[in-house]
Amino acid sequence: AGSNATAKILSQFWVAIPANDIRKLLNHIIAKHASDLTSSAVRATAIKTVTTLLEEDKTHAVLRSLLPSLGNLIHDKSEKVRLAVVEMLLFVKKIRGLKYYHIVDPQNLLGRWADE
C-alpha cells in the first residue's frame, strides 16, 4: 500500500519534489521492498509500483539506472513476482529509449521460460 501511494504522489507531483527526495523514495522501494524476503506480495507490489511510474515519461531518466537492479527478480521463487517482472518488461518494451534487455539479460529470460 505504501509503494502504491508513493507512486501516485510521485506521478502527480514529480516536478515539485526535489530530485534527491525522489531518488531516496525510489531507492527505498527498489532496495527494501523489491528485496523483502518475508513477503512475495511486497516484492510484486514494488515491481508494479515501478511499472506504474514508468507510465509517466518524466520518470524514465531517473528509473533508467534503477531498473537493472530488478532484473534478478525474474528468478524469484514466487510466480506472482515473476509475472510482475514480465509485465514490467513488456511495458518497458513499448518505451522508446529503454530496453528490456538492459534490465534482464535475454539468456536469463530464455532460461526462465525453459524452467516454466
Foldseek 3Di string as FASTA:
>chain_A
DVLQVVLVVCQVCVVVDDPVVVLVSLCCLLVPQLPPPVDPVSNLVSLVSVLSNVVDVVCCVVCQVVLLSNQVQCPPPDPSNVVSLVVSQVSQVPDPPHHSCSNYPVVVVVVSVVVD
